[in-house]
Every structure is written in structure tokens, then in C-alpha cells.
Amino acid sequence: TNSSGLSRVRITWHMAGSAAAADAIMAEGIRCQDDARVARGRYGRGGYVATCAAKANAYADSSGGAGGLRYLFLVLALPEEVLAKGERGQRASRTVADCTSHPTEYCFVNQARLHC
């Protein structure tokens, strides 16, 4: 067994909603704290990443935003070994996902588990 957890590292994707959000991600990483600036999506409150770039891209403004620019980040993610299914409006104590057996989207509460 790989005790370092390296085998659990996942390549994931995150779409920033604006140039300002992209700048903040580059400076501070994806926010996972439980505050007003954190996503409140269908799997709970935290920092979201998708396992497929197309899924992350689906969250972009359909008009392409100002000038048609999109800000897609490749993110190395380290989910816990055992996942739970997230719940809307809830703040989980650990990483949750849309599906525990074959996740397409993760919601992280620990920013240290994401690197972009």
C-alpha cells in the first residue's frame, strides 16, 4: 500500500467565474473556508472541483463573459480515502462528492487538499 496517499491524487478542474476570481485563486488558492465567498452548491459549502474539464466549463457564463475569456484551472486534489455524499446547504467535516463510487465533482473543506 502507498502510505503517502499519492495514489489518491486526482487531476481535477475548476472554472473561475471572473478575472478577479482567477487572480484570487492564483494568489490564495481555491477558497474552502466557511464564509460568504465560498460556494454553496448542491453538495454543500466548500471549494468545488470537477473530474472533467468539460464539467467545470459547464459552470461558466454561457456568453463567455467579458471578451469571451474563461479561466480554467487544473487542480491536483487529494480527497480522503473514504468519501461521503454531500448535501445542499450543509458544511461537511471532510471532502464530499456527488457520487461516492465514481465522483464527477468534489466539494473540499480543507484548502490544503487542493493545489493549482
N, C-alpha and C. Protein backbone atom coordinates (compact mmCIF):
# COMPACT_ATOMS: atom_id res chain seq x y z
N THR A 1 0.83 -1.19 0.00
CA THR A 1 0.00 0.00 0.00
C THR A 1 0.88 1.25 0.00
N ASN A 2 0.39 2.29 -0.61
CA ASN A 2 1.14 3.54 -0.70
C ASN A 2 0.73 4.43 0.46
N SER A 3 1.56 4.51 1.48
CA SER A 3 1.20 5.27 2.68
C SER A 3 1.23 6.78 2.47
N SER A 4 1.83 7.25 1.38
CA SER A 4 1.90 8.69 1.14
C SER A 4 0.59 9.27 0.61
N GLY A 5 -0.29 8.43 0.13
CA GLY A 5 -1.55 8.92 -0.42
C GLY A 5 -1.45 9.34 -1.88
N LEU A 6 -0.26 9.22 -2.48
CA LEU A 6 -0.05 9.66 -3.85
C LEU A 6 -1.02 8.99 -4.82
N SER A 7 -1.36 7.74 -4.57
CA SER A 7 -2.27 7.04 -5.48
C SER A 7 -3.68 7.63 -5.45
N ARG A 8 -4.01 8.43 -4.43
CA ARG A 8 -5.33 9.05 -4.34
C ARG A 8 -5.37 10.44 -4.96
N VAL A 9 -4.24 10.97 -5.38
CA VAL A 9 -4.22 12.30 -6.00
C VAL A 9 -5.02 12.24 -7.31
N ARG A 10 -5.90 13.20 -7.49
CA ARG A 10 -6.74 13.25 -8.69
C ARG A 10 -6.46 14.54 -9.45
N ILE A 11 -6.44 14.44 -10.76
CA ILE A 11 -6.38 15.63 -11.61
C ILE A 11 -7.81 16.10 -11.76
N THR A 12 -8.05 17.34 -11.34
CA THR A 12 -9.40 17.90 -11.38
C THR A 12 -9.34 19.29 -12.00
N TRP A 13 -10.51 19.92 -12.14
CA TRP A 13 -10.63 21.20 -12.84
C TRP A 13 -11.54 22.14 -12.07
N HIS A 14 -11.23 23.42 -12.16
CA HIS A 14 -12.06 24.44 -11.51
C HIS A 14 -12.18 25.63 -12.46
N MET A 15 -13.41 26.09 -12.68
CA MET A 15 -13.66 27.26 -13.51
C MET A 15 -13.89 28.47 -12.62
N ALA A 16 -13.02 29.46 -12.75
CA ALA A 16 -13.21 30.72 -12.00
C ALA A 16 -14.27 31.54 -12.72
N GLY A 17 -15.09 32.22 -11.95
CA GLY A 17 -16.21 32.97 -12.53
C GLY A 17 -15.86 34.31 -13.14
N SER A 18 -14.64 34.80 -12.89
CA SER A 18 -14.27 36.12 -13.40
C SER A 18 -12.76 36.27 -13.34
N ALA A 19 -12.26 37.33 -13.95
CA ALA A 19 -10.82 37.62 -13.89
C ALA A 19 -10.39 37.86 -12.45
N ALA A 20 -11.23 38.56 -11.68
CA ALA A 20 -10.90 38.82 -10.27
C ALA A 20 -10.83 37.52 -9.47
N ALA A 21 -11.76 36.60 -9.74
CA ALA A 21 -11.74 35.30 -9.05
C ALA A 21 -10.50 34.51 -9.45
N ALA A 22 -10.13 34.55 -10.73
CA ALA A 22 -8.92 33.86 -11.19
C ALA A 22 -7.68 34.44 -10.51
N ASP A 23 -7.61 35.76 -10.40
CA ASP A 23 -6.48 36.40 -9.71
C ASP A 23 -6.41 35.94 -8.26
N ALA A 24 -7.56 35.87 -7.60
CA ALA A 24 -7.59 35.43 -6.19
C ALA A 24 -7.15 33.98 -6.05
N ILE A 25 -7.56 33.14 -6.99
CA ILE A 25 -7.14 31.73 -6.95
C ILE A 25 -5.63 31.63 -7.14
N MET A 26 -5.09 32.40 -8.07
CA MET A 26 -3.64 32.37 -8.29
C MET A 26 -2.88 32.85 -7.06
N ALA A 27 -3.45 33.80 -6.33
CA ALA A 27 -2.77 34.35 -5.15
C ALA A 27 -2.98 33.50 -3.90
N GLU A 28 -4.19 32.96 -3.73
CA GLU A 28 -4.55 32.31 -2.47
C GLU A 28 -5.01 30.87 -2.58
N GLY A 29 -5.22 30.37 -3.81
CA GLY A 29 -5.77 29.03 -3.98
C GLY A 29 -7.29 29.07 -3.97
N ILE A 30 -7.89 27.91 -4.12
CA ILE A 30 -9.35 27.80 -4.12
C ILE A 30 -9.83 27.88 -2.68
N ARG A 31 -10.76 28.79 -2.44
CA ARG A 31 -11.27 29.01 -1.07
C ARG A 31 -12.17 27.85 -0.65
N CYS A 32 -11.91 27.34 0.53
CA CYS A 32 -12.72 26.27 1.09
C CYS A 32 -13.33 26.64 2.44
N GLN A 33 -12.93 27.79 2.99
CA GLN A 33 -13.42 28.21 4.30
C GLN A 33 -14.93 28.41 4.27
N ASP A 34 -15.52 28.34 5.43
CA ASP A 34 -16.97 28.52 5.54
C ASP A 34 -17.29 29.99 5.76
N ASP A 35 -17.25 30.77 4.66
CA ASP A 35 -17.60 32.19 4.75
C ASP A 35 -18.41 32.59 3.53
N ALA A 36 -18.76 33.83 3.44
CA ALA A 36 -19.66 34.32 2.39
C ALA A 36 -19.10 34.16 0.98
N ARG A 37 -17.79 34.04 0.84
CA ARG A 37 -17.20 33.95 -0.50
C ARG A 37 -17.07 32.52 -1.01
N VAL A 38 -17.46 31.54 -0.22
CA VAL A 38 -17.32 30.14 -0.58
C VAL A 38 -18.59 29.65 -1.26
N ALA A 39 -18.42 28.77 -2.24
CA ALA A 39 -19.56 28.23 -2.98
C ALA A 39 -20.54 27.51 -2.05
N ARG A 40 -21.81 27.70 -2.35
CA ARG A 40 -22.86 27.00 -1.63
C ARG A 40 -23.63 26.18 -2.65
N GLY A 41 -23.00 25.15 -3.15
CA GLY A 41 -23.56 24.34 -4.22
C GLY A 41 -24.41 23.18 -3.73
N ARG A 42 -24.73 22.32 -4.65
CA ARG A 42 -25.65 21.23 -4.34
C ARG A 42 -25.06 20.16 -3.44
N TYR A 43 -23.73 20.16 -3.24
CA TYR A 43 -23.12 19.15 -2.37
C TYR A 43 -22.57 19.76 -1.09
N GLY A 44 -22.97 20.97 -0.77
CA GLY A 44 -22.54 21.59 0.47
C GLY A 44 -21.72 22.84 0.25
N ARG A 45 -21.19 23.38 1.34
CA ARG A 45 -20.39 24.61 1.30
C ARG A 45 -18.92 24.25 1.31
N GLY A 46 -18.19 24.75 0.31
CA GLY A 46 -16.76 24.47 0.22
C GLY A 46 -16.21 24.82 -1.15
N GLY A 47 -15.02 24.35 -1.44
CA GLY A 47 -14.36 24.59 -2.71
C GLY A 47 -14.64 23.44 -3.67
N TYR A 48 -15.16 23.76 -4.84
CA TYR A 48 -15.58 22.74 -5.80
C TYR A 48 -14.56 22.51 -6.90
N VAL A 49 -14.37 21.24 -7.27
CA VAL A 49 -13.59 20.87 -8.44
C VAL A 49 -14.33 19.74 -9.16
N ALA A 50 -14.13 19.64 -10.46
CA ALA A 50 -14.75 18.59 -11.27
C ALA A 50 -13.66 17.66 -11.79
N THR A 51 -14.02 16.41 -12.04
CA THR A 51 -13.05 15.44 -12.54
C THR A 51 -12.86 15.53 -14.05
N CYS A 52 -13.63 16.37 -14.70
CA CYS A 52 -13.56 16.53 -16.15
C CYS A 52 -13.61 18.03 -16.47
N ALA A 53 -12.74 18.47 -17.36
CA ALA A 53 -12.70 19.89 -17.73
C ALA A 53 -14.04 20.34 -18.32
N ALA A 54 -14.71 19.46 -19.06
CA ALA A 54 -15.99 19.82 -19.66
C ALA A 54 -17.04 20.13 -18.59
N LYS A 55 -17.02 19.37 -17.50
CA LYS A 55 -17.98 19.64 -16.42
C LYS A 55 -17.67 20.98 -15.76
N ALA A 56 -16.40 21.26 -15.50
CA ALA A 56 -16.02 22.56 -14.92
C ALA A 56 -16.42 23.69 -15.87
N ASN A 57 -16.20 23.50 -17.16
CA ASN A 57 -16.54 24.51 -18.15
C ASN A 57 -18.04 24.79 -18.21
N ALA A 58 -18.84 23.79 -17.88
CA ALA A 58 -20.29 23.95 -17.91
C ALA A 58 -20.77 24.99 -16.89
N TYR A 59 -19.95 25.29 -15.89
CA TYR A 59 -20.32 26.29 -14.88
C TYR A 59 -19.99 27.71 -15.32
N ALA A 60 -19.37 27.86 -16.48
CA ALA A 60 -19.01 29.19 -16.98
C ALA A 60 -20.25 29.90 -17.52
N ASP A 61 -20.17 31.21 -17.57
CA ASP A 61 -21.21 32.03 -18.17
C ASP A 61 -21.36 31.60 -19.63
N SER A 62 -22.56 31.29 -20.06
CA SER A 62 -22.78 30.79 -21.42
C SER A 62 -22.39 31.80 -22.49
N SER A 63 -22.35 33.08 -22.15
CA SER A 63 -21.94 34.09 -23.12
C SER A 63 -20.43 34.23 -23.18
N GLY A 64 -19.74 33.49 -22.32
CA GLY A 64 -18.28 33.57 -22.33
C GLY A 64 -17.74 34.71 -21.50
N GLY A 65 -18.60 35.46 -20.85
CA GLY A 65 -18.12 36.56 -20.02
C GLY A 65 -17.56 37.68 -20.85
N ALA A 66 -16.95 38.62 -20.21
CA ALA A 66 -16.37 39.78 -20.89
C ALA A 66 -15.27 39.34 -21.84
N GLY A 67 -15.45 39.62 -23.11
CA GLY A 67 -14.44 39.27 -24.11
C GLY A 67 -14.34 37.79 -24.40
N GLY A 68 -15.25 37.00 -23.86
CA GLY A 68 -15.25 35.57 -24.12
C GLY A 68 -14.16 34.81 -23.37
N LEU A 69 -13.50 35.44 -22.42
CA LEU A 69 -12.43 34.77 -21.67
C LEU A 69 -13.00 33.86 -20.60
N ARG A 70 -12.37 32.71 -20.45
CA ARG A 70 -12.71 31.78 -19.38
C ARG A 70 -11.43 31.45 -18.64
N TYR A 71 -11.56 31.14 -17.36
CA TYR A 71 -10.40 30.92 -16.50
C TYR A 71 -10.49 29.53 -15.89
N LEU A 72 -9.93 28.55 -16.59
CA LEU A 72 -9.99 27.15 -16.19
C LEU A 72 -8.68 26.75 -15.54
N PHE A 73 -8.75 26.20 -14.33
CA PHE A 73 -7.57 25.78 -13.59
C PHE A 73 -7.49 24.26 -13.53
N LEU A 74 -6.31 23.72 -13.78
CA LEU A 74 -6.03 22.32 -13.49
C LEU A 74 -5.65 22.28 -12.01
N VAL A 75 -6.27 21.38 -11.26
CA VAL A 75 -6.07 21.32 -9.81
C VAL A 75 -5.71 19.89 -9.41
N LEU A 76 -4.60 19.74 -8.68
CA LEU A 76 -4.29 18.45 -8.08
C LEU A 76 -5.06 18.37 -6.77
N ALA A 77 -5.87 17.34 -6.63
CA ALA A 77 -6.74 17.21 -5.46
C ALA A 77 -6.45 15.90 -4.74
N LEU A 78 -6.53 15.95 -3.42
CA LEU A 78 -6.30 14.76 -2.60
C LEU A 78 -7.53 14.53 -1.71
N PRO A 79 -8.53 13.82 -2.24
CA PRO A 79 -9.70 13.53 -1.42
C PRO A 79 -9.36 12.48 -0.35
N GLU A 80 -10.15 12.46 0.71
CA GLU A 80 -9.97 11.43 1.72
C GLU A 80 -10.19 10.06 1.10
N GLU A 81 -9.67 9.03 1.76
CA GLU A 81 -9.78 7.67 1.23
C GLU A 81 -11.23 7.22 1.12
N VAL A 82 -12.05 7.58 2.10
CA VAL A 82 -13.46 7.22 2.08
C VAL A 82 -14.26 8.52 1.92
N LEU A 83 -15.09 8.56 0.88
CA LEU A 83 -15.89 9.75 0.59
C LEU A 83 -17.31 9.60 1.13
N ALA A 84 -17.93 10.73 1.36
CA ALA A 84 -19.35 10.77 1.71
C ALA A 84 -20.06 11.57 0.63
N LYS A 85 -21.37 11.38 0.51
CA LYS A 85 -22.16 12.16 -0.44
C LYS A 85 -22.52 13.49 0.23
N GLY A 86 -22.29 14.57 -0.50
CA GLY A 86 -22.57 15.89 0.04
C GLY A 86 -24.05 16.21 0.05
N GLU A 87 -24.41 17.21 0.86
CA GLU A 87 -25.80 17.65 0.97
C GLU A 87 -25.87 19.16 0.82
N ARG A 88 -26.83 19.62 0.03
CA ARG A 88 -27.03 21.06 -0.20
C ARG A 88 -27.19 21.80 1.12
N GLY A 89 -26.48 22.93 1.23
CA GLY A 89 -26.62 23.78 2.39
C GLY A 89 -25.86 23.34 3.63
N GLN A 90 -25.25 22.16 3.58
CA GLN A 90 -24.54 21.64 4.75
C GLN A 90 -23.04 21.87 4.61
N ARG A 91 -22.38 22.06 5.72
CA ARG A 91 -20.92 22.16 5.76
C ARG A 91 -20.40 20.82 6.26
N ALA A 92 -19.78 20.05 5.39
CA ALA A 92 -19.25 18.74 5.76
C ALA A 92 -17.99 18.90 6.60
N SER A 93 -17.62 17.85 7.29
CA SER A 93 -16.39 17.88 8.09
C SER A 93 -15.19 17.41 7.28
N ARG A 94 -15.44 16.89 6.07
CA ARG A 94 -14.37 16.41 5.19
C ARG A 94 -14.85 16.50 3.75
N THR A 95 -14.02 16.08 2.82
CA THR A 95 -14.36 16.12 1.40
C THR A 95 -15.60 15.27 1.12
N VAL A 96 -16.52 15.82 0.33
CA VAL A 96 -17.69 15.08 -0.11
C VAL A 96 -17.74 15.12 -1.64
N ALA A 97 -18.62 14.31 -2.20
CA ALA A 97 -18.71 14.21 -3.66
C ALA A 97 -20.16 14.01 -4.09
N ASP A 98 -20.37 14.11 -5.40
CA ASP A 98 -21.70 13.87 -5.94
C ASP A 98 -22.04 12.39 -5.93
N CYS A 99 -21.04 11.54 -6.07
CA CYS A 99 -21.21 10.09 -6.09
C CYS A 99 -19.98 9.49 -5.42
N THR A 100 -20.17 8.65 -4.43
CA THR A 100 -19.02 8.13 -3.68
C THR A 100 -18.22 7.09 -4.45
N SER A 101 -18.85 6.35 -5.37
CA SER A 101 -18.12 5.31 -6.09
C SER A 101 -17.42 5.81 -7.35
N HIS A 102 -17.99 6.80 -8.03
CA HIS A 102 -17.41 7.35 -9.26
C HIS A 102 -17.66 8.86 -9.30
N PRO A 103 -16.95 9.63 -8.48
CA PRO A 103 -17.23 11.07 -8.39
C PRO A 103 -16.94 11.81 -9.70
N THR A 104 -17.80 12.76 -10.01
CA THR A 104 -17.53 13.69 -11.11
C THR A 104 -17.31 15.10 -10.57
N GLU A 105 -17.63 15.28 -9.28
CA GLU A 105 -17.49 16.58 -8.65
C GLU A 105 -17.21 16.38 -7.16
N TYR A 106 -16.22 17.12 -6.66
CA TYR A 106 -15.87 17.08 -5.24
C TYR A 106 -16.13 18.45 -4.62
N CYS A 107 -16.45 18.45 -3.34
CA CYS A 107 -16.55 19.67 -2.54
C CYS A 107 -15.57 19.52 -1.38
N PHE A 108 -14.52 20.35 -1.39
CA PHE A 108 -13.47 20.28 -0.37
C PHE A 108 -13.70 21.31 0.72
N VAL A 109 -13.42 20.92 1.95
CA VAL A 109 -13.49 21.85 3.08
C VAL A 109 -12.10 22.19 3.61
N ASN A 110 -11.09 21.48 3.12
CA ASN A 110 -9.71 21.70 3.55
C ASN A 110 -8.89 22.17 2.35
N GLN A 111 -8.54 23.44 2.32
CA GLN A 111 -7.82 24.04 1.21
C GLN A 111 -6.47 23.37 0.97
N ALA A 112 -5.87 22.78 1.99
CA ALA A 112 -4.57 22.12 1.86
C ALA A 112 -4.65 20.88 0.97
N ARG A 113 -5.84 20.38 0.69
CA ARG A 113 -6.01 19.21 -0.16
C ARG A 113 -6.12 19.57 -1.65
N LEU A 114 -6.01 20.86 -1.98
CA LEU A 114 -6.10 21.33 -3.36
C LEU A 114 -4.84 22.10 -3.72
N HIS A 115 -4.29 21.83 -4.91
CA HIS A 115 -3.12 22.57 -5.38
C HIS A 115 -3.32 22.93 -6.85
N CYS A 116 -3.28 24.24 -7.14
CA CYS A 116 -3.43 24.67 -8.54
C CYS A 116 -2.38 25.69 -8.90
